Amino acid sequence: MCLKKEYWHQGIVSEAVKSIIQQAQKEGLNYLTATHDIKNIHSGHVMKKAGMHYCYYYKEHWMPKNIPVIFRMYQINLDGKKRIYQKYWNQYEHFIEENI
């Protein structure tokens, strides 16, 4: 999800994320994941505010810009079960940061 800069810090994305989580719960989804570029700390704050939890970060050669990017992966388990989405963990070089 992206917004033009003039719309930043107005709570728009936070409200959208909350709505997505509510809809996912209604649909019976077990969990949701979200990632953000490690340089964009505000996106991480939005995810935490919505109840998502940091799991790990991974390095990916990101297209279409053809550059290496480090992404933080967040998750919320909607069914109460403990799990961590493993796709990026298994596919890319990954790490766990402390105190995120």
Protein backbone atom coordinates (compact mmCIF):
# COMPACT_ATOMS: atom_id res chain seq x y z
CA MET A 1 0.00 0.00 0.00
CA CYS A 2 1.40 3.40 -0.93
CA LEU A 3 0.28 6.96 -0.45
CA LYS A 4 1.47 10.22 -1.92
CA LYS A 5 3.63 12.10 0.56
CA GLU A 6 1.04 14.82 1.16
CA TYR A 7 -1.24 12.15 2.70
CA TRP A 8 1.35 10.68 5.10
CA HIS A 9 0.87 10.76 8.89
CA GLN A 10 -2.92 11.16 8.73
CA GLY A 11 -3.83 7.64 9.87
CA ILE A 12 -5.14 6.60 6.45
CA VAL A 13 -2.98 3.49 6.12
CA SER A 14 -3.52 2.52 9.77
CA GLU A 15 -7.29 2.58 9.24
CA ALA A 16 -6.97 0.62 6.00
CA VAL A 17 -4.85 -2.06 7.70
CA LYS A 18 -7.36 -2.37 10.56
CA SER A 19 -10.16 -2.82 8.02
CA ILE A 20 -8.21 -5.48 6.16
CA ILE A 21 -7.59 -7.38 9.40
CA GLN A 22 -11.28 -7.18 10.34
CA GLN A 23 -12.31 -8.46 6.91
CA ALA A 24 -9.76 -11.29 7.09
CA GLN A 25 -11.24 -12.32 10.45
CA LYS A 26 -14.76 -12.32 8.97
CA GLU A 27 -13.51 -14.45 6.07
CA GLY A 28 -11.96 -16.95 8.48
CA LEU A 29 -8.35 -16.46 7.41
CA ASN A 30 -5.79 -17.94 9.80
CA TYR A 31 -3.14 -15.22 9.53
CA LEU A 32 -1.91 -12.20 7.58
CA THR A 33 1.63 -11.13 6.75
CA ALA A 34 3.06 -7.82 5.65
CA THR A 35 6.54 -6.62 4.75
CA HIS A 36 8.25 -3.27 4.52
CA ASP A 37 11.59 -1.95 3.35
CA ILE A 38 13.84 -1.70 6.42
CA LYS A 39 14.47 1.96 5.51
CA ASN A 40 10.76 2.76 5.88
CA ILE A 41 10.33 2.54 9.65
CA HIS A 42 6.93 4.25 9.58
CA SER A 43 5.42 1.25 7.81
CA GLY A 44 6.67 -0.95 10.64
CA HIS A 45 4.98 1.36 13.15
CA VAL A 46 1.68 0.98 11.26
CA MET A 47 1.98 -2.81 11.36
CA LYS A 48 2.73 -2.84 15.09
CA LYS A 49 -0.13 -0.44 15.80
CA ALA A 50 -2.48 -2.86 13.99
CA GLY A 51 -1.38 -5.73 16.24
CA MET A 52 1.10 -7.37 13.87
CA HIS A 53 4.33 -8.77 15.30
CA TYR A 54 7.82 -8.62 13.83
CA CYS A 55 9.14 -12.06 12.85
CA TYR A 56 12.37 -11.63 10.85
CA TYR A 57 14.01 -9.73 8.04
CA TYR A 58 15.28 -11.00 4.72
CA LYS A 59 17.33 -9.74 1.80
CA GLU A 60 15.78 -9.91 -1.64
CA HIS A 61 16.90 -8.66 -5.03
CA TRP A 62 13.82 -6.54 -5.65
CA MET A 63 12.32 -5.99 -9.04
CA PRO A 64 11.36 -3.81 -10.90
CA LYS A 65 14.12 -1.53 -9.62
CA ASN A 66 16.71 -4.33 -9.80
CA ILE A 67 18.24 -3.48 -6.42
CA PRO A 68 18.89 -5.44 -3.21
CA VAL A 69 16.37 -4.59 -0.48
CA ILE A 70 16.09 -5.71 3.12
CA PHE A 71 12.47 -6.33 4.10
CA ARG A 72 11.05 -6.77 7.60
CA MET A 73 8.29 -9.37 7.81
CA TYR A 74 5.39 -8.92 10.24
CA GLN A 75 2.51 -11.28 10.95
CA ILE A 76 -0.75 -11.47 12.85
CA ASN A 77 -2.27 -14.85 13.67
CA LEU A 78 -6.04 -14.53 13.61
CA ASP A 79 -6.84 -18.04 14.83
CA GLY A 80 -4.76 -17.93 18.02
CA LYS A 81 -2.27 -20.55 16.81
CA LYS A 82 1.46 -19.83 16.96
CA ARG A 83 3.13 -19.90 13.57
CA ILE A 84 5.56 -17.90 11.47
CA TYR A 85 5.23 -17.72 7.71
CA GLN A 86 8.26 -19.55 6.34
CA LYS A 87 8.34 -18.70 2.61
CA TYR A 88 10.74 -15.78 2.84
CA TRP A 89 12.68 -17.47 5.64
CA ASN A 90 13.30 -20.48 3.37
CA GLN A 91 13.78 -18.55 0.13
CA TYR A 92 16.16 -15.75 1.12
CA GLU A 93 19.03 -14.94 3.42
CA HIS A 94 17.34 -13.98 6.70
CA PHE A 95 18.01 -12.69 10.21
CA ILE A 96 16.16 -11.89 13.43
CA GLU A 97 16.75 -8.48 14.96
CA GLU A 98 16.44 -7.90 18.68
CA ASN A 99 14.29 -5.12 20.17
CA ILE A 100 12.18 -4.30 17.12
